Amino acid sequence: MSCRERHQTTNNAHTQTRRAAFAFALASASLFVLLPAPSSAQQWLFTPEIEIGAHHVDNPRLAEETETDAITGGLLDAGLAIRRNTQTSSMLLRPRAAIFRYTDAPEEDSEAFFLDFDAQTERQRSTWRINGNYRQQQVFRGETTSADFDDVDVGIDDEVQTGTGRTFTRRQRDLFHLNPGVTLEFDQLTSLRVDLSYLDVRYDQDELGEAVDYNDSRIEAAVVRSLSRHSEISAGIFASRYDPKDLERQTDSVGARVRYEQDVSD
């Protein structure tokens, strides 16, 4: 087995693991939100969504030539929004699928799958929240722009590295995003806000300089002080890490931020 085949096998195994972990995280968050106090009033809402229409793309391959082959076909986009509201919590779960078909160019047919989740619950002196997204779709652009590979021999000419982030090969991209957070109230005017963010991107065909698997994580904590009914000030620190796979280019960053917010009216 070649190195690339072993890498692809490892990626497939990691993808299955990430899907299971993501599903477990959403299930845990659902239980957290769906078990409020017994006295809470509650309501379930199910909203089906469907779109049927024509789809025309004048440049499906994002080619730079003046004359490109346009394609026309049909679009079917269907989803289901599941909402639950109580006196102290809310939850939204929305699976969705989109199917694109082109009679004159069947090689351009594609499917895309989406899952969105958002939940929030309020306690006596705290607010807990979590949202997450999953995307599986065909893409023609990389997540990062081209970079300087002077210290790595990857066989990419400098003139090819245009910095546009454009890729000319269709790839399937799996994107996972999870963003939990909490706000803790010290008193009526002062609170502590903590937010975490984790982004994981995988391609079925990765290529240095075009589409590179990576994950990006971030944590931020800030103390928020209300100055009036319409204004507040906050001061906090944050740290982040960008980690591309199969490249020794891990990047860490830290910083601080002071922010003032003013509402012009209610």
Protein backbone atom coordinates (compact mmCIF):
# COMPACT_ATOMS: atom_id res chain seq x y z
CA MET A 1 0.00 0.00 0.00
CA SER A 2 1.37 3.41 -0.98
CA CYS A 3 1.78 6.31 1.44
CA ARG A 4 -1.10 8.14 -0.22
CA GLU A 5 -3.39 5.10 0.06
CA ARG A 6 -2.50 4.69 3.72
CA HIS A 7 -3.16 8.39 4.23
CA GLN A 8 -6.56 8.07 2.51
CA THR A 9 -7.47 5.04 4.64
CA THR A 10 -6.49 6.93 7.77
CA ASN A 11 -8.54 9.94 6.67
CA ASN A 12 -11.62 7.74 6.12
CA ALA A 13 -11.26 6.24 9.59
CA HIS A 14 -10.81 9.68 11.11
CA THR A 15 -13.88 10.93 9.23
CA GLN A 16 -16.03 8.16 10.71
CA THR A 17 -14.67 8.94 14.17
CA ARG A 18 -15.38 12.65 13.78
CA ARG A 19 -18.92 11.97 12.60
CA ALA A 20 -19.60 9.78 15.63
CA ALA A 21 -18.07 12.38 17.97
CA PHE A 22 -20.08 15.17 16.36
CA ALA A 23 -23.32 13.18 16.63
CA PHE A 24 -22.57 12.42 20.28
CA ALA A 25 -21.90 16.10 20.99
CA LEU A 26 -25.19 17.14 19.39
CA ALA A 27 -27.07 14.41 21.27
CA SER A 28 -25.51 15.51 24.57
CA ALA A 29 -26.36 19.13 23.88
CA SER A 30 -29.93 18.15 23.02
CA LEU A 31 -30.34 16.31 26.32
CA PHE A 32 -28.90 19.30 28.16
CA VAL A 33 -31.45 21.62 26.58
CA LEU A 34 -34.38 19.24 26.46
CA LEU A 35 -34.41 18.55 30.20
CA PRO A 36 -35.54 21.86 31.72
CA ALA A 37 -37.36 22.32 35.00
CA PRO A 38 -40.61 20.30 35.18
CA SER A 39 -42.72 23.43 35.38
CA SER A 40 -41.42 24.86 32.10
CA ALA A 41 -43.97 25.32 29.35
CA GLN A 42 -42.80 23.78 26.10
CA GLN A 43 -43.66 23.64 22.42
CA TRP A 44 -42.41 21.56 19.52
CA LEU A 45 -42.47 23.00 16.01
CA PHE A 46 -41.77 20.98 12.83
CA THR A 47 -41.30 23.05 9.69
CA PRO A 48 -40.63 21.19 6.43
CA GLU A 49 -38.83 23.16 3.75
CA ILE A 50 -38.58 22.33 0.04
CA GLU A 51 -37.35 24.20 -3.01
CA ILE A 52 -37.59 23.02 -6.62
CA GLY A 53 -36.14 25.10 -9.39
CA ALA A 54 -33.83 25.55 -12.32
CA HIS A 55 -30.13 25.97 -11.81
CA HIS A 56 -27.78 27.70 -14.26
CA VAL A 57 -24.02 28.10 -13.88
CA ASP A 58 -22.09 30.02 -16.53
CA ASN A 59 -18.66 28.93 -15.28
CA PRO A 60 -18.91 25.70 -13.23
CA ARG A 61 -15.15 25.06 -13.17
CA LEU A 62 -14.18 28.65 -12.28
CA ALA A 63 -11.97 28.77 -15.33
CA GLU A 64 -10.13 31.98 -16.17
CA GLU A 65 -10.74 31.79 -19.93
CA THR A 66 -13.16 34.28 -21.47
CA GLU A 67 -15.29 31.50 -23.01
CA THR A 68 -16.48 28.70 -20.70
CA ASP A 69 -19.06 25.92 -20.93
CA ALA A 70 -22.26 26.88 -19.13
CA ILE A 71 -24.52 24.20 -17.64
CA THR A 72 -28.25 24.23 -16.88
CA GLY A 73 -30.22 21.76 -14.81
CA GLY A 74 -32.59 21.19 -11.94
CA LEU A 75 -32.33 21.78 -8.19
CA LEU A 76 -34.12 19.98 -5.37
CA ASP A 77 -33.45 21.34 -1.88
CA ALA A 78 -35.32 19.83 1.08
CA GLY A 79 -34.96 20.24 4.82
CA LEU A 80 -36.78 19.94 8.15
CA ALA A 81 -36.49 22.53 10.91
CA ILE A 82 -37.20 21.05 14.35
CA ARG A 83 -37.64 23.64 17.09
CA ARG A 84 -38.43 23.39 20.77
CA ASN A 85 -39.05 26.36 23.03
CA THR A 86 -39.56 26.54 26.78
CA GLN A 87 -39.63 29.41 29.24
CA THR A 88 -35.87 29.10 29.78
CA SER A 89 -34.46 27.30 26.74
CA SER A 90 -34.61 26.96 22.97
CA MET A 91 -33.37 24.40 20.49
CA LEU A 92 -33.15 24.18 16.69
CA LEU A 93 -32.12 21.09 14.72
CA ARG A 94 -32.19 21.41 10.93
CA PRO A 95 -31.08 18.61 8.57
CA ARG A 96 -31.09 19.51 4.88
CA ALA A 97 -30.12 17.98 1.53
CA ALA A 98 -29.65 19.55 -1.89
CA ILE A 99 -29.52 17.64 -5.20
CA PHE A 100 -28.25 19.18 -8.44
CA ARG A 101 -28.84 17.44 -11.80
CA TYR A 102 -27.71 18.59 -15.27
CA THR A 103 -29.11 16.77 -18.31
CA ASP A 104 -26.49 18.16 -20.68
CA ALA A 105 -23.56 17.56 -18.30
CA PRO A 106 -24.20 14.55 -16.00
CA GLU A 107 -20.59 14.64 -14.84
CA GLU A 108 -21.47 17.86 -13.01
CA ASP A 109 -24.28 16.22 -10.97
CA SER A 110 -23.77 16.59 -7.23
CA GLU A 111 -25.40 16.27 -3.82
CA ALA A 112 -24.86 18.28 -0.65
CA PHE A 113 -25.85 17.47 2.93
CA PHE A 114 -26.18 19.88 5.84
CA LEU A 115 -26.94 19.71 9.56
CA ASP A 116 -27.38 22.79 11.76
CA PHE A 117 -27.87 22.78 15.50
CA ASP A 118 -28.39 25.64 17.92
CA ALA A 119 -29.38 25.45 21.58
CA GLN A 120 -29.48 27.78 24.57
CA THR A 121 -30.66 27.45 28.13
CA GLU A 122 -30.82 29.96 30.99
CA ARG A 123 -30.12 29.11 34.60
CA GLN A 124 -30.47 31.33 37.65
CA ARG A 125 -27.14 33.11 37.13
CA SER A 126 -25.81 31.63 33.90
CA THR A 127 -26.60 31.13 30.24
CA TRP A 128 -25.33 28.07 28.36
CA ARG A 129 -25.28 27.83 24.58
CA ILE A 130 -23.97 25.60 21.84
CA ASN A 131 -24.24 25.60 18.08
CA GLY A 132 -22.74 23.31 15.50
CA ASN A 133 -22.72 22.71 11.76
CA TYR A 134 -21.90 19.87 9.43
CA ARG A 135 -21.42 20.32 5.70
CA GLN A 136 -20.69 17.69 3.08
CA GLN A 137 -20.58 19.17 -0.39
CA GLN A 138 -18.65 19.43 -3.64
CA VAL A 139 -16.33 22.45 -3.75
CA PHE A 140 -14.00 24.02 -6.26
CA ARG A 141 -12.11 26.28 -3.87
CA GLY A 142 -9.68 25.53 -1.09
CA GLU A 143 -10.14 26.76 2.47
CA THR A 144 -6.83 28.60 2.41
CA THR A 145 -5.08 30.66 -0.23
CA SER A 146 -1.81 29.61 -1.79
CA ALA A 147 1.31 30.11 0.30
CA ASP A 148 5.05 30.30 -0.14
CA PHE A 149 6.55 26.81 -0.34
CA ASP A 150 10.20 27.79 -0.68
CA ASP A 151 11.27 25.47 2.13
CA VAL A 152 9.19 22.50 0.94
CA ASP A 153 9.50 20.75 -2.40
CA VAL A 154 5.89 20.19 -3.43
CA GLY A 155 6.29 20.64 -7.18
CA ILE A 156 4.22 23.82 -7.43
CA ASP A 157 5.58 26.64 -9.57
CA ASP A 158 5.53 30.13 -8.13
CA GLU A 159 3.42 31.48 -10.99
CA VAL A 160 0.72 28.89 -10.20
CA GLN A 161 0.37 30.21 -6.65
CA THR A 162 -2.00 33.02 -7.53
CA GLY A 163 -3.23 33.55 -3.98
CA THR A 164 -6.88 33.28 -5.04
CA GLY A 165 -7.59 30.02 -3.22
CA ARG A 166 -9.10 28.67 -6.46
CA THR A 167 -8.90 24.95 -7.14
CA PHE A 168 -9.70 23.41 -10.51
CA THR A 169 -10.58 19.90 -9.31
CA ARG A 170 -13.93 19.04 -7.82
CA ARG A 171 -13.49 17.71 -4.30
CA GLN A 172 -15.83 16.51 -1.61
CA ARG A 173 -15.38 18.55 1.54
CA ASP A 174 -16.51 17.50 5.01
CA LEU A 175 -16.73 20.48 7.35
CA PHE A 176 -17.46 20.24 11.09
CA HIS A 177 -17.91 23.28 13.31
CA LEU A 178 -18.70 23.24 17.03
CA ASN A 179 -19.09 26.40 19.12
CA PRO A 180 -20.08 26.05 22.81
CA GLY A 181 -20.12 28.94 25.25
CA VAL A 182 -21.29 30.14 28.66
CA THR A 183 -22.01 33.44 30.37
CA LEU A 184 -21.68 33.55 34.17
CA GLU A 185 -23.21 36.50 36.05
CA PHE A 186 -21.28 37.85 39.03
CA ASP A 187 -23.89 40.51 39.74
CA GLN A 188 -26.47 42.54 37.81
CA LEU A 189 -23.79 44.53 35.98
CA THR A 190 -20.78 42.21 35.61
CA SER A 191 -20.45 38.84 33.91
CA LEU A 192 -17.84 36.48 32.49
CA ARG A 193 -18.26 35.20 28.94
CA VAL A 194 -16.33 32.17 27.65
CA ASP A 195 -16.56 30.88 24.07
CA LEU A 196 -14.89 27.91 22.39
CA SER A 197 -14.71 27.20 18.69
CA TYR A 198 -13.49 24.14 16.80
CA LEU A 199 -13.45 23.84 13.00
CA ASP A 200 -12.38 20.68 11.18
CA VAL A 201 -12.14 20.43 7.38
CA ARG A 202 -11.35 17.31 5.35
CA TYR A 203 -11.18 16.68 1.59
CA ASP A 204 -11.53 13.35 -0.19
CA GLN A 205 -8.66 14.53 -2.41
CA ASP A 206 -6.16 16.71 -0.63
CA GLU A 207 -3.41 18.53 -2.47
CA LEU A 208 -0.70 20.80 -1.15
CA GLY A 209 -1.17 24.36 -2.30
CA GLU A 210 -4.83 23.83 -3.20
CA ALA A 211 -6.88 21.83 -0.69
CA VAL A 212 -5.26 20.91 2.60
CA ASP A 213 -7.00 19.19 5.49
CA TYR A 214 -6.86 21.29 8.64
CA ASN A 215 -8.47 22.12 11.96
CA ASP A 216 -8.76 25.50 13.62
CA SER A 217 -9.52 25.93 17.33
CA ARG A 218 -10.04 29.05 19.42
CA ILE A 219 -10.90 29.99 23.00
CA GLU A 220 -11.87 33.45 24.22
CA ALA A 221 -12.75 34.72 27.70
CA ALA A 222 -13.93 38.23 28.51
CA VAL A 223 -15.28 40.18 31.47
CA VAL A 224 -18.32 42.23 30.46
CA ARG A 225 -19.50 45.29 32.39
CA SER A 226 -22.80 47.07 31.71
CA LEU A 227 -22.41 50.85 31.80
CA SER A 228 -26.03 51.69 31.14
CA ARG A 229 -29.15 50.21 29.66
CA HIS A 230 -27.76 50.71 26.16
CA SER A 231 -24.00 50.34 26.53
CA GLU A 232 -21.37 47.94 27.82
CA ILE A 233 -17.62 47.48 27.83
CA SER A 234 -15.67 44.24 27.82
CA ALA A 235 -12.03 43.18 28.14
CA GLY A 236 -10.76 39.73 27.34
CA ILE A 237 -8.05 37.45 26.03
CA PHE A 238 -8.06 34.79 23.32
CA ALA A 239 -5.86 32.03 21.95
CA SER A 240 -6.11 30.11 18.68
CA ARG A 241 -4.35 27.31 16.83
CA TYR A 242 -4.37 26.55 13.09
CA ASP A 243 -3.13 23.04 12.33
CA PRO A 244 -2.89 21.88 8.69
CA LYS A 245 -2.48 18.14 8.25
CA ASP A 246 0.73 16.69 6.77
CA LEU A 247 2.44 20.08 6.93
CA GLU A 248 4.75 21.35 9.64
CA ARG A 249 3.00 24.71 9.62
CA GLN A 250 1.08 24.74 12.87
CA THR A 251 0.35 28.30 13.93
CA ASP A 252 -0.49 29.53 17.44
CA SER A 253 -1.63 33.02 18.33
CA VAL A 254 -2.71 34.86 21.46
CA GLY A 255 -4.12 38.31 21.97
CA ALA A 256 -6.24 40.69 24.02
CA ARG A 257 -9.24 42.79 23.15
CA VAL A 258 -11.13 45.72 24.66
CA ARG A 259 -14.55 46.44 23.20
CA TYR A 260 -17.21 49.09 23.74
CA GLU A 261 -20.77 48.57 22.45
CA GLN A 262 -23.50 51.16 22.20
CA ASP A 263 -27.13 50.56 21.18
CA VAL A 264 -28.80 53.53 19.54
CA SER A 265 -32.25 52.41 20.78
CA ASP A 266 -34.20 49.45 22.21
